[in-house]
Amino acid sequence: MPIKLRIATFNLENLDDKPDQKPTLGERIILMRSQLLRLNADILCLQEVNGQETPNQPRRLLALENLIAGTAYAGFHRVSTMTGDGSQVYDERNLVILSRFEIVEHQQYKHDFAAAPCYKKVTANPEETEAKAVTWERPLLHARMKLDNTRTLDLVNVHLKSRLPTTVAGQKLNNYTWKTASGWAEGFFLSSMKRVGQALETRMFIDTLFDVDEDAMVVVCGDFNADLDDVPVQAIRGDVEDTGNDKLARRVMVPCERTIPEPSRFSLFHHGRGVMLDHLLVSRSLLGYYKGSEIHNELLHDESVAFGTDVKFPESDHAPVVAQFELPDS
């Protein structure tokens, strides 16, 4: 039988279950569970899944379990990012992969392929006397799925650093106000460095997969916090136009969204403008089985405008993105 495969990515925007949060988890579930059902995904990659604590228990993804309760996803295989000792999930912004197919291998990577660069801030007050490591906060999450007796799929779930500037000592009046434009610019530069660093590490990791098999079926998806032609996405794509090396053509990662008409090609609204920050990039070997993509952005709201708060819009401010494939009998 052919394998029909729907792969989706969705940033849930700080999915949590705190006692005093507004909107409540229940209010969010009312709107968001139907989004998950509509995706009808065989493999679902999630970002911004917060962990919850209960007495004498490791931190767990209880809010997510409530969200997917009663759906097919509740019975899927599941892996997520974990703290360094592997004992529990992170407090905030976990990556999660849910799969109808068996996950035979998984791992998370942070500075395993790209070491943290060193940088001395130039606007910090007090002045920095030596360079310090610039580390990114989130790892990438890799899982290998067994599609049938002969074929596997390698999937990488990413959440690259946001565009919000990184704090620089002595350069902020409060959480929302910078003291100088130069301080803001350096904070923006630092966030860009982290975002491109994560992209570099992702590209280096998937090259290890292609080193073993240049026909490997690979997917990189998630919230890139970058548009299609921004540097982080370009770095992961590795187009021949950029490398200048035709011998790397089989290693190019192809954006599925290009088949969606440009007026509908956005996964987030910011200041009234649609931007595409959530992507599904696939290897050429998988592209041969590609059937189409969807961006479920019909009800997408703009939280950057006045009164566009989470209370008014309990759903995520990101739209889910899904790509469909059909693999013939092996």
C-alpha atoms as a PDB file:
ATOM      1  CA  MET A   1       0.000   0.000   0.000  1.00  0.00           C
ATOM      2  CA  PRO A   2       1.256   3.535  -0.744  1.00  0.00           C
ATOM      3  CA  ILE A   3       2.069   5.644   2.311  1.00  0.00           C
ATOM      4  CA  LYS A   4       0.105   8.894   2.515  1.00  0.00           C
ATOM      5  CA  LEU A   5       2.030  11.202   4.776  1.00  0.00           C
ATOM      6  CA  ARG A   6       0.969  14.559   6.230  1.00  0.00           C
ATOM      7  CA  ILE A   7       3.694  16.440   8.109  1.00  0.00           C
ATOM      8  CA  ALA A   8       2.729  19.569  10.052  1.00  0.00           C
ATOM      9  CA  THR A   9       4.454  22.230  12.137  1.00  0.00           C
ATOM     10  CA  PHE A  10       2.713  24.515  14.622  1.00  0.00           C
ATOM     11  CA  ASN A  11       4.025  27.034  17.153  1.00  0.00           C
ATOM     12  CA  LEU A  12       1.475  26.820  19.985  1.00  0.00           C
ATOM     13  CA  GLU A  13       2.609  30.145  21.530  1.00  0.00           C
ATOM     14  CA  ASN A  14       3.499  29.425  25.141  1.00  0.00           C
ATOM     15  CA  LEU A  15       1.114  26.541  25.780  1.00  0.00           C
ATOM     16  CA  ASP A  16       0.869  26.417  29.572  1.00  0.00           C
ATOM     17  CA  ASP A  17      -1.491  25.772  32.473  1.00  0.00           C
ATOM     18  CA  LYS A  18      -0.742  28.252  35.237  1.00  0.00           C
ATOM     19  CA  PRO A  19      -3.384  28.888  37.932  1.00  0.00           C
ATOM     20  CA  ASP A  20      -3.744  32.607  37.208  1.00  0.00           C
ATOM     21  CA  GLN A  21      -3.130  32.712  33.459  1.00  0.00           C
ATOM     22  CA  LYS A  22      -5.510  34.509  31.123  1.00  0.00           C
ATOM     23  CA  PRO A  23      -6.749  33.066  28.868  1.00  0.00           C
ATOM     24  CA  THR A  24      -6.991  29.762  30.700  1.00  0.00           C
ATOM     25  CA  LEU A  25      -5.799  26.517  29.166  1.00  0.00           C
ATOM     26  CA  GLY A  26      -9.424  25.430  28.839  1.00  0.00           C
ATOM     27  CA  GLU A  27     -10.269  28.559  26.862  1.00  0.00           C
ATOM     28  CA  ARG A  28      -7.312  27.959  24.579  1.00  0.00           C
ATOM     29  CA  ILE A  29      -8.159  24.287  24.049  1.00  0.00           C
ATOM     30  CA  ILE A  30     -11.659  25.183  22.829  1.00  0.00           C
ATOM     31  CA  LEU A  31     -10.114  26.954  19.833  1.00  0.00           C
ATOM     32  CA  MET A  32      -6.849  25.089  19.317  1.00  0.00           C
ATOM     33  CA  ARG A  33      -7.928  21.445  19.440  1.00  0.00           C
ATOM     34  CA  SER A  34      -9.984  21.935  16.286  1.00  0.00           C
ATOM     35  CA  GLN A  35      -6.878  23.354  14.598  1.00  0.00           C
ATOM     36  CA  LEU A  36      -4.988  20.159  15.397  1.00  0.00           C
ATOM     37  CA  LEU A  37      -7.854  17.989  14.181  1.00  0.00           C
ATOM     38  CA  ARG A  38      -8.008  19.872  10.895  1.00  0.00           C
ATOM     39  CA  LEU A  39      -4.305  19.265  10.311  1.00  0.00           C
ATOM     40  CA  ASN A  40      -4.972  15.509  10.345  1.00  0.00           C
ATOM     41  CA  ALA A  41      -1.210  15.068  10.618  1.00  0.00           C
ATOM     42  CA  ASP A  42       0.693  11.801  10.642  1.00  0.00           C
ATOM     43  CA  ILE A  43       3.709  13.647  12.058  1.00  0.00           C
ATOM     44  CA  LEU A  44       3.185  16.823  14.073  1.00  0.00           C
ATOM     45  CA  CYS A  45       6.036  19.121  15.136  1.00  0.00           C
ATOM     46  CA  LEU A  46       5.235  21.594  17.903  1.00  0.00           C
ATOM     47  CA  GLN A  47       7.092  24.565  19.355  1.00  0.00           C
ATOM     48  CA  GLU A  48       6.598  26.587  22.558  1.00  0.00           C
ATOM     49  CA  VAL A  49       5.191  23.766  24.655  1.00  0.00           C
ATOM     50  CA  ASN A  50       5.767  24.673  28.307  1.00  0.00           C
ATOM     51  CA  GLY A  51       6.270  22.138  31.083  1.00  0.00           C
ATOM     52  CA  GLN A  52       4.196  21.870  34.263  1.00  0.00           C
ATOM     53  CA  GLU A  53       5.261  20.850  37.753  1.00  0.00           C
ATOM     54  CA  THR A  54       3.413  18.703  40.274  1.00  0.00           C
ATOM     55  CA  PRO A  55       4.617  17.746  43.771  1.00  0.00           C
ATOM     56  CA  ASN A  56       7.313  15.033  43.839  1.00  0.00           C
ATOM     57  CA  GLN A  57       7.159  14.563  40.074  1.00  0.00           C
ATOM     58  CA  PRO A  58       9.504  15.605  37.272  1.00  0.00           C
ATOM     59  CA  ARG A  59       8.303  18.462  35.085  1.00  0.00           C
ATOM     60  CA  ARG A  60       5.953  17.125  32.387  1.00  0.00           C
ATOM     61  CA  LEU A  61       3.956  18.263  29.367  1.00  0.00           C
ATOM     62  CA  LEU A  62       0.598  18.176  31.122  1.00  0.00           C
ATOM     63  CA  ALA A  63      -0.893  21.116  29.197  1.00  0.00           C
ATOM     64  CA  LEU A  64      -0.110  19.362  25.921  1.00  0.00           C
ATOM     65  CA  GLU A  65      -1.652  16.143  27.174  1.00  0.00           C
ATOM     66  CA  ASN A  66      -4.855  18.044  27.961  1.00  0.00           C
ATOM     67  CA  LEU A  67      -4.820  19.678  24.521  1.00  0.00           C
ATOM     68  CA  ILE A  68      -4.524  16.387  22.603  1.00  0.00           C
ATOM     69  CA  ALA A  69      -6.743  14.317  24.907  1.00  0.00           C
ATOM     70  CA  GLY A  70      -9.440  12.496  22.952  1.00  0.00           C
ATOM     71  CA  THR A  71      -7.635  12.981  19.627  1.00  0.00           C
ATOM     72  CA  ALA A  72      -5.587  10.528  17.570  1.00  0.00           C
ATOM     73  CA  TYR A  73      -2.451  12.428  18.632  1.00  0.00           C
ATOM     74  CA  ALA A  74      -2.853  11.129  22.188  1.00  0.00           C
ATOM     75  CA  GLY A  75      -1.861   7.670  20.945  1.00  0.00           C
ATOM     76  CA  PHE A  76       1.081   8.833  18.798  1.00  0.00           C
ATOM     77  CA  HIS A  77       4.715   8.169  19.583  1.00  0.00           C
ATOM     78  CA  ARG A  78       6.185  11.258  21.271  1.00  0.00           C
ATOM     79  CA  VAL A  79       9.593  12.785  21.938  1.00  0.00           C
ATOM     80  CA  SER A  80      10.486  16.209  23.298  1.00  0.00           C
ATOM     81  CA  THR A  81      13.417  18.314  24.357  1.00  0.00           C
ATOM     82  CA  MET A  82      14.712  17.593  27.857  1.00  0.00           C
ATOM     83  CA  THR A  83      16.955  19.282  30.405  1.00  0.00           C
ATOM     84  CA  GLY A  84      20.661  18.483  30.321  1.00  0.00           C
ATOM     85  CA  ASP A  85      20.396  15.554  32.734  1.00  0.00           C
ATOM     86  CA  GLY A  86      17.466  14.081  30.788  1.00  0.00           C
ATOM     87  CA  SER A  87      15.241  13.945  33.865  1.00  0.00           C
ATOM     88  CA  GLN A  88      12.475  16.319  32.797  1.00  0.00           C
ATOM     89  CA  VAL A  89      11.289  18.717  30.116  1.00  0.00           C
ATOM     90  CA  TYR A  90      12.249  22.389  30.119  1.00  0.00           C
ATOM     91  CA  ASP A  91      10.128  24.909  31.979  1.00  0.00           C
ATOM     92  CA  GLU A  92       9.397  26.826  28.773  1.00  0.00           C
ATOM     93  CA  ARG A  93       9.427  26.471  24.977  1.00  0.00           C
ATOM     94  CA  ASN A  94       9.947  22.756  24.541  1.00  0.00           C
ATOM     95  CA  LEU A  95      10.033  21.196  21.098  1.00  0.00           C
ATOM     96  CA  VAL A  96       7.770  18.162  20.650  1.00  0.00           C
ATOM     97  CA  ILE A  97       7.400  15.608  17.858  1.00  0.00           C
ATOM     98  CA  LEU A  98       4.254  13.447  17.686  1.00  0.00           C
ATOM     99  CA  SER A  99       4.313  10.620  15.145  1.00  0.00           C
ATOM    100  CA  ARG A 100       1.919   7.938  13.950  1.00  0.00           C
ATOM    101  CA  PHE A 101       5.046   6.079  12.849  1.00  0.00           C
ATOM    102  CA  GLU A 102       7.432   4.424  15.288  1.00  0.00           C
ATOM    103  CA  ILE A 103      10.280   6.684  16.392  1.00  0.00           C
ATOM    104  CA  VAL A 104      13.330   4.442  16.344  1.00  0.00           C
ATOM    105  CA  GLU A 105      15.911   7.075  17.279  1.00  0.00           C
ATOM    106  CA  HIS A 106      15.935  10.610  18.631  1.00  0.00           C
ATOM    107  CA  GLN A 107      18.397  13.162  19.979  1.00  0.00           C
ATOM    108  CA  GLN A 108      18.660  16.870  20.715  1.00  0.00           C
ATOM    109  CA  TYR A 109      21.654  19.006  19.808  1.00  0.00           C
ATOM    110  CA  LYS A 110      22.926  22.345  21.088  1.00  0.00           C
ATOM    111  CA  HIS A 111      26.536  23.333  20.394  1.00  0.00           C
ATOM    112  CA  ASP A 112      27.333  19.743  19.420  1.00  0.00           C
ATOM    113  CA  PHE A 113      28.165  20.833  15.879  1.00  0.00           C
ATOM    114  CA  ALA A 114      28.601  24.619  16.174  1.00  0.00           C
ATOM    115  CA  ALA A 115      30.411  25.904  19.237  1.00  0.00           C
ATOM    116  CA  ALA A 116      29.131  29.071  20.895  1.00  0.00           C
ATOM    117  CA  PRO A 117      30.907  32.044  19.283  1.00  0.00           C
ATOM    118  CA  CYS A 118      32.718  34.531  21.524  1.00  0.00           C
ATOM    119  CA  TYR A 119      31.891  38.231  21.343  1.00  0.00           C
ATOM    120  CA  LYS A 120      32.697  41.335  23.401  1.00  0.00           C
ATOM    121  CA  LYS A 121      29.780  43.754  23.627  1.00  0.00           C
ATOM    122  CA  VAL A 122      30.637  47.295  22.576  1.00  0.00           C
ATOM    123  CA  THR A 123      27.727  49.208  24.166  1.00  0.00           C
ATOM    124  CA  ALA A 124      27.512  47.380  27.521  1.00  0.00           C
ATOM    125  CA  ASN A 125      27.671  49.479  30.709  1.00  0.00           C
ATOM    126  CA  PRO A 126      29.797  48.642  32.612  1.00  0.00           C
ATOM    127  CA  GLU A 127      32.136  48.017  29.701  1.00  0.00           C
ATOM    128  CA  GLU A 128      33.003  44.404  28.980  1.00  0.00           C
ATOM    129  CA  THR A 129      36.724  43.693  29.170  1.00  0.00           C
ATOM    130  CA  GLU A 130      36.741  40.337  27.414  1.00  0.00           C
ATOM    131  CA  ALA A 131      34.712  38.349  24.915  1.00  0.00           C
ATOM    132  CA  LYS A 132      32.059  35.962  26.262  1.00  0.00           C
ATOM    133  CA  ALA A 133      30.336  32.969  24.713  1.00  0.00           C
ATOM    134  CA  VAL A 134      27.081  33.748  22.897  1.00  0.00           C
ATOM    135  CA  THR A 135      24.910  30.677  23.402  1.00  0.00           C
ATOM    136  CA  TRP A 136      21.456  30.038  21.973  1.00  0.00           C
ATOM    137  CA  GLU A 137      18.699  29.003  24.326  1.00  0.00           C
ATOM    138  CA  ARG A 138      17.067  26.133  22.423  1.00  0.00           C
ATOM    139  CA  PRO A 139      18.429  22.900  20.948  1.00  0.00           C
ATOM    140  CA  LEU A 140      17.238  21.288  17.745  1.00  0.00           C
ATOM    141  CA  LEU A 141      15.299  18.027  18.062  1.00  0.00           C
ATOM    142  CA  HIS A 142      15.909  15.140  15.660  1.00  0.00           C
ATOM    143  CA  ALA A 143      13.800  12.006  15.303  1.00  0.00           C
ATOM    144  CA  ARG A 144      14.065   9.090  12.884  1.00  0.00           C
ATOM    145  CA  MET A 145      10.772   7.407  12.005  1.00  0.00           C
ATOM    146  CA  LYS A 146      10.295   3.944  10.563  1.00  0.00           C
ATOM    147  CA  LEU A 147       7.848   4.362   7.661  1.00  0.00           C
ATOM    148  CA  ASP A 148       7.888   0.693   6.632  1.00  0.00           C
ATOM    149  CA  ASN A 149      10.280  -2.262   6.635  1.00  0.00           C
ATOM    150  CA  THR A 150      12.785  -0.570   4.325  1.00  0.00           C
ATOM    151  CA  ARG A 151      12.358   3.216   4.608  1.00  0.00           C
ATOM    152  CA  THR A 152      12.986   5.774   7.330  1.00  0.00           C
ATOM    153  CA  LEU A 153      12.393   9.503   7.587  1.00  0.00           C
ATOM    154  CA  ASP A 154      14.723  11.896   9.411  1.00  0.00           C
ATOM    155  CA  LEU A 155      12.914  14.901  10.850  1.00  0.00           C
ATOM    156  CA  VAL A 156      14.427  17.950  12.558  1.00  0.00           C
ATOM    157  CA  ASN A 157      12.198  20.255  14.614  1.00  0.00           C
ATOM    158  CA  VAL A 158      13.632  23.745  15.168  1.00  0.00           C
ATOM    159  CA  HIS A 159      12.717  26.965  16.930  1.00  0.00           C
ATOM    160  CA  LEU A 160      15.287  29.598  16.040  1.00  0.00           C
ATOM    161  CA  LYS A 161      15.931  32.663  18.179  1.00  0.00           C
ATOM    162  CA  SER A 162      13.249  35.329  17.986  1.00  0.00           C
ATOM    163  CA  ARG A 163      13.875  38.743  16.449  1.00  0.00           C
ATOM    164  CA  LEU A 164      13.562  40.406  19.859  1.00  0.00           C
ATOM    165  CA  PRO A 165      16.899  42.020  20.768  1.00  0.00           C
ATOM    166  CA  THR A 166      19.068  40.289  23.358  1.00  0.00           C
ATOM    167  CA  THR A 167      19.509  42.315  26.562  1.00  0.00           C
ATOM    168  CA  VAL A 168      22.718  44.362  26.807  1.00  0.00           C
ATOM    169  CA  ALA A 169      23.833  45.409  30.302  1.00  0.00           C
ATOM    170  CA  GLY A 170      23.056  49.032  31.104  1.00  0.00           C
ATOM    171  CA  GLN A 171      21.217  49.646  27.836  1.00  0.00           C
ATOM    172  CA  LYS A 172      17.562  49.237  28.914  1.00  0.00           C
ATOM    173  CA  LEU A 173      15.361  51.579  30.916  1.00  0.00           C
ATOM    174  CA  ASN A 174      12.785  48.804  31.420  1.00  0.00           C
ATOM    175  CA  ASN A 175      11.632  45.609  29.718  1.00  0.00           C
ATOM    176  CA  TYR A 176      10.216  47.514  26.755  1.00  0.00           C
ATOM    177  CA  THR A 177      12.413  50.611  26.469  1.00  0.00           C
ATOM    178  CA  TRP A 178      16.015  50.898  25.284  1.00  0.00           C
ATOM    179  CA  LYS A 179      18.278  53.670  26.532  1.00  0.00           C
ATOM    180  CA  THR A 180      20.066  54.156  23.182  1.00  0.00           C
ATOM    181  CA  ALA A 181      19.518  53.131  19.575  1.00  0.00           C
ATOM    182  CA  SER A 182      23.072  51.754  19.542  1.00  0.00           C
ATOM    183  CA  GLY A 183      22.269  49.436  22.466  1.00  0.00           C
ATOM    184  CA  TRP A 184      19.127  48.252  20.711  1.00  0.00           C
ATOM    185  CA  ALA A 185      21.130  47.641  17.514  1.00  0.00           C
ATOM    186  CA  GLU A 186      23.708  45.544  19.358  1.00  0.00           C
ATOM    187  CA  GLY A 187      20.945  43.527  21.043  1.00  0.00           C
ATOM    188  CA  PHE A 188      19.406  42.938  17.619  1.00  0.00           C
ATOM    189  CA  PHE A 189      22.807  41.872  16.278  1.00  0.00           C
ATOM    190  CA  LEU A 190      23.255  39.386  19.130  1.00  0.00           C
ATOM    191  CA  SER A 191      19.841  37.818  18.462  1.00  0.00           C
ATOM    192  CA  SER A 192      20.716  37.570  14.769  1.00  0.00           C
ATOM    193  CA  MET A 193      23.979  35.860  15.686  1.00  0.00           C
ATOM    194  CA  LYS A 194      22.108  33.295  17.768  1.00  0.00           C
ATOM    195  CA  ARG A 195      19.520  32.683  15.054  1.00  0.00           C
ATOM    196  CA  VAL A 196      22.107  32.165  12.309  1.00  0.00           C
ATOM    197  CA  GLY A 197      24.206  30.044  14.688  1.00  0.00           C
ATOM    198  CA  GLN A 198      21.262  27.704  15.239  1.00  0.00           C
ATOM    199  CA  ALA A 199      20.746  27.540  11.482  1.00  0.00           C
ATOM    200  CA  LEU A 200      24.422  26.682  10.976  1.00  0.00           C
ATOM    201  CA  GLU A 201      24.202  23.888  13.538  1.00  0.00           C
ATOM    202  CA  THR A 202      21.068  22.553  11.830  1.00  0.00           C
ATOM    203  CA  ARG A 203      22.769  22.598   8.431  1.00  0.00           C
ATOM    204  CA  MET A 204      25.860  20.864   9.842  1.00  0.00           C
ATOM    205  CA  PHE A 205      23.706  18.162  11.411  1.00  0.00           C
ATOM    206  CA  ILE A 206      21.691  17.372   8.290  1.00  0.00           C
ATOM    207  CA  ASP A 207      24.937  17.208   6.317  1.00  0.00           C
ATOM    208  CA  THR A 208      25.948  14.325   8.586  1.00  0.00           C
ATOM    209  CA  LEU A 209      22.783  12.539   7.423  1.00  0.00           C
ATOM    210  CA  PHE A 210      23.661  13.185   3.777  1.00  0.00           C
ATOM    211  CA  ASP A 211      27.240  12.027   4.414  1.00  0.00           C
ATOM    212  CA  VAL A 212      25.772   8.593   5.139  1.00  0.00           C
ATOM    213  CA  ASP A 213      23.155   8.670   2.355  1.00  0.00           C
ATOM    214  CA  GLU A 214      22.683  11.541  -0.080  1.00  0.00           C
ATOM    215  CA  ASP A 215      19.236  10.122  -0.896  1.00  0.00           C
ATOM    216  CA  ALA A 216      18.093  10.260   2.740  1.00  0.00           C
ATOM    217  CA  MET A 217      14.542  11.520   3.208  1.00  0.00           C
ATOM    218  CA  VAL A 218      14.993  14.564   5.451  1.00  0.00           C
ATOM    219  CA  VAL A 219      12.586  17.217   6.731  1.00  0.00           C
ATOM    220  CA  VAL A 220      13.525  20.361   8.662  1.00  0.00           C
ATOM    221  CA  CYS A 221      10.512  22.206  10.008  1.00  0.00           C
ATOM    222  CA  GLY A 222       9.446  24.591  12.721  1.00  0.00           C
ATOM    223  CA  ASP A 223       9.479  28.266  13.636  1.00  0.00           C
ATOM    224  CA  PHE A 224      12.545  29.783  11.949  1.00  0.00           C
ATOM    225  CA  ASN A 225      11.717  33.372  12.978  1.00  0.00           C
ATOM    226  CA  ALA A 226      12.965  34.196   9.486  1.00  0.00           C
ATOM    227  CA  ASP A 227      11.374  34.514   6.070  1.00  0.00           C
ATOM    228  CA  LEU A 228      12.199  32.368   3.068  1.00  0.00           C
ATOM    229  CA  ASP A 229      15.091  34.485   1.774  1.00  0.00           C
ATOM    230  CA  ASP A 230      16.494  35.541   5.148  1.00  0.00           C
ATOM    231  CA  VAL A 231      19.963  34.281   6.041  1.00  0.00           C
ATOM    232  CA  PRO A 232      18.950  31.540   8.542  1.00  0.00           C
ATOM    233  CA  VAL A 233      16.617  29.839   6.048  1.00  0.00           C
ATOM    234  CA  GLN A 234      19.124  30.253   3.225  1.00  0.00           C
ATOM    235  CA  ALA A 235      21.822  28.687   5.396  1.00  0.00           C
ATOM    236  CA  ILE A 236      19.724  25.570   5.957  1.00  0.00           C
ATOM    237  CA  ARG A 237      18.559  25.375   2.336  1.00  0.00           C
ATOM    238  CA  GLY A 238      22.059  25.324   0.860  1.00  0.00           C
ATOM    239  CA  ASP A 239      20.938  26.261  -2.669  1.00  0.00           C
ATOM    240  CA  VAL A 240      23.448  25.720  -5.468  1.00  0.00           C
ATOM    241  CA  GLU A 241      23.010  29.402  -6.380  1.00  0.00           C
ATOM    242  CA  ASP A 242      24.543  30.218  -2.989  1.00  0.00           C
ATOM    243  CA  THR A 243      27.204  27.498  -2.655  1.00  0.00           C
ATOM    244  CA  GLY A 244      28.230  27.677  -6.322  1.00  0.00           C
ATOM    245  CA  ASN A 245      28.834  23.920  -6.187  1.00  0.00           C
ATOM    246  CA  ASP A 246      26.661  21.703  -8.405  1.00  0.00           C
ATOM    247  CA  LYS A 247      28.007  18.602  -6.650  1.00  0.00           C
ATOM    248  CA  LEU A 248      25.957  19.632  -3.595  1.00  0.00           C
ATOM    249  CA  ALA A 249      22.677  19.660  -5.539  1.00  0.00           C
ATOM    250  CA  ARG A 250      21.395  16.466  -3.905  1.00  0.00           C
ATOM    251  CA  ARG A 251      21.816  18.069  -0.475  1.00  0.00           C
ATOM    252  CA  VAL A 252      19.613  21.100  -1.155  1.00  0.00           C
ATOM    253  CA  MET A 253      16.613  21.489   1.182  1.00  0.00           C
ATOM    254  CA  VAL A 254      13.516  22.673  -0.697  1.00  0.00           C
ATOM    255  CA  PRO A 255      10.826  24.970   0.827  1.00  0.00           C
ATOM    256  CA  CYS A 256       7.396  23.383   0.357  1.00  0.00           C
ATOM    257  CA  GLU A 257       5.597  26.733   0.690  1.00  0.00           C
ATOM    258  CA  ARG A 258       6.671  27.819  -2.783  1.00  0.00           C
ATOM    259  CA  THR A 259       3.694  25.950  -4.228  1.00  0.00           C
ATOM    260  CA  ILE A 260       1.291  28.181  -2.259  1.00  0.00           C
ATOM    261  CA  PRO A 261       0.221  31.391  -4.060  1.00  0.00           C
ATOM    262  CA  GLU A 262       2.193  34.330  -2.703  1.00  0.00           C
ATOM    263  CA  PRO A 263      -0.823  36.343  -1.398  1.00  0.00           C
ATOM    264  CA  SER A 264      -1.663  33.410   0.901  1.00  0.00           C
ATOM    265  CA  ARG A 265       1.939  32.613   1.863  1.00  0.00           C
ATOM    266  CA  PHE A 266       2.143  33.841   5.473  1.00  0.00           C
ATOM    267  CA  SER A 267       2.061  32.202   8.890  1.00  0.00           C
ATOM    268  CA  LEU A 268       2.073  35.288  11.137  1.00  0.00           C
ATOM    269  CA  PHE A 269       0.793  38.866  11.034  1.00  0.00           C
ATOM    270  CA  HIS A 270       3.032  41.670  12.305  1.00  0.00           C
ATOM    271  CA  HIS A 271       1.988  45.318  12.082  1.00  0.00           C
ATOM    272  CA  GLY A 272      -0.570  44.434   9.451  1.00  0.00           C
ATOM    273  CA  ARG A 273       1.852  42.557   7.211  1.00  0.00           C
ATOM    274  CA  GLY A 274       1.825  38.820   6.660  1.00  0.00           C
ATOM    275  CA  VAL A 275       5.213  37.136   7.110  1.00  0.00           C
ATOM    276  CA  MET A 276       6.238  33.502   6.591  1.00  0.00           C
ATOM    277  CA  LEU A 277       8.196  32.419   9.663  1.00  0.00           C
ATOM    278  CA  ASP A 278       7.150  28.758   9.855  1.00  0.00           C
ATOM    279  CA  HIS A 279       8.618  26.464   7.221  1.00  0.00           C
ATOM    280  CA  LEU A 280       8.824  22.886   5.977  1.00  0.00           C
ATOM    281  CA  LEU A 281      12.052  22.192   4.072  1.00  0.00           C
ATOM    282  CA  VAL A 282      12.469  18.773   2.453  1.00  0.00           C
ATOM    283  CA  SER A 283      15.271  16.901   0.734  1.00  0.00           C
ATOM    284  CA  ARG A 284      15.144  16.269  -3.003  1.00  0.00           C
ATOM    285  CA  SER A 285      14.547  12.565  -2.390  1.00  0.00           C
ATOM    286  CA  LEU A 286      11.315  13.373  -0.524  1.00  0.00           C
ATOM    287  CA  LEU A 287      10.325  16.148  -2.932  1.00  0.00           C
ATOM    288  CA  GLY A 288       9.594  13.532  -5.574  1.00  0.00           C
ATOM    289  CA  TYR A 289       6.614  12.387  -3.494  1.00  0.00           C
ATOM    290  CA  TYR A 290       5.340  15.879  -2.640  1.00  0.00           C
ATOM    291  CA  LYS A 291       1.643  16.570  -3.306  1.00  0.00           C
ATOM    292  CA  GLY A 292       1.031  20.020  -1.845  1.00  0.00           C
ATOM    293  CA  SER A 293       0.990  22.333   1.168  1.00  0.00           C
ATOM    294  CA  GLU A 294      -1.531  24.225   3.273  1.00  0.00           C
ATOM    295  CA  ILE A 295      -1.205  27.195   5.627  1.00  0.00           C
ATOM    296  CA  HIS A 296      -4.217  27.429   7.921  1.00  0.00           C
ATOM    297  CA  ASN A 297      -4.134  31.208   8.273  1.00  0.00           C
ATOM    298  CA  GLU A 298      -7.783  32.119   7.631  1.00  0.00           C
ATOM    299  CA  LEU A 299      -8.365  33.312  11.221  1.00  0.00           C
ATOM    300  CA  LEU A 300      -4.861  34.563  11.939  1.00  0.00           C
ATOM    301  CA  HIS A 301      -4.846  37.686  14.130  1.00  0.00           C
ATOM    302  CA  ASP A 302      -2.311  40.470  14.640  1.00  0.00           C
ATOM    303  CA  GLU A 303      -1.106  40.668  18.240  1.00  0.00           C
ATOM    304  CA  SER A 304       1.183  43.610  17.412  1.00  0.00           C
ATOM    305  CA  VAL A 305      -1.765  46.026  17.121  1.00  0.00           C
ATOM    306  CA  ALA A 306      -3.501  47.847  19.965  1.00  0.00           C
ATOM    307  CA  PHE A 307      -5.714  45.600  22.139  1.00  0.00           C
ATOM    308  CA  GLY A 308      -4.545  42.475  20.249  1.00  0.00           C
ATOM    309  CA  THR A 309      -3.915  40.586  23.469  1.00  0.00           C
ATOM    310  CA  ASP A 310      -3.987  36.868  24.249  1.00  0.00           C
ATOM    311  CA  VAL A 311      -7.199  37.415  26.231  1.00  0.00           C
ATOM    312  CA  LYS A 312      -8.985  38.470  23.052  1.00  0.00           C
ATOM    313  CA  PHE A 313      -7.209  35.823  20.950  1.00  0.00           C
ATOM    314  CA  PRO A 314      -6.621  32.643  22.989  1.00  0.00           C
ATOM    315  CA  GLU A 315      -5.378  30.723  19.939  1.00  0.00           C
ATOM    316  CA  SER A 316      -1.752  30.890  18.797  1.00  0.00           C
ATOM    317  CA  ASP A 317      -0.504  33.889  16.833  1.00  0.00           C
ATOM    318  CA  HIS A 318       1.140  31.451  14.385  1.00  0.00           C
ATOM    319  CA  ALA A 319      -0.698  29.511  11.685  1.00  0.00           C
ATOM    320  CA  PRO A 320      -0.117  25.762  11.333  1.00  0.00           C
ATOM    321  CA  VAL A 321       1.659  24.647   8.159  1.00  0.00           C
ATOM    322  CA  VAL A 322       1.228  21.171   6.649  1.00  0.00           C
ATOM    323  CA  ALA A 323       2.739  19.361   3.662  1.00  0.00           C
ATOM    324  CA  GLN A 324       1.424  16.162   2.103  1.00  0.00           C
ATOM    325  CA  PHE A 325       3.377  13.340   0.445  1.00  0.00           C
ATOM    326  CA  GLU A 326       2.488  10.003  -1.103  1.00  0.00           C
ATOM    327  CA  LEU A 327       5.173   7.338  -1.156  1.00  0.00           C
ATOM    328  CA  PRO A 328       4.675   4.327  -3.440  1.00  0.00           C
ATOM    329  CA  ASP A 329       5.049   0.744  -2.304  1.00  0.00           C
ATOM    330  CA  SER A 330       8.630  -0.022  -1.360  1.00  0.00           C
END
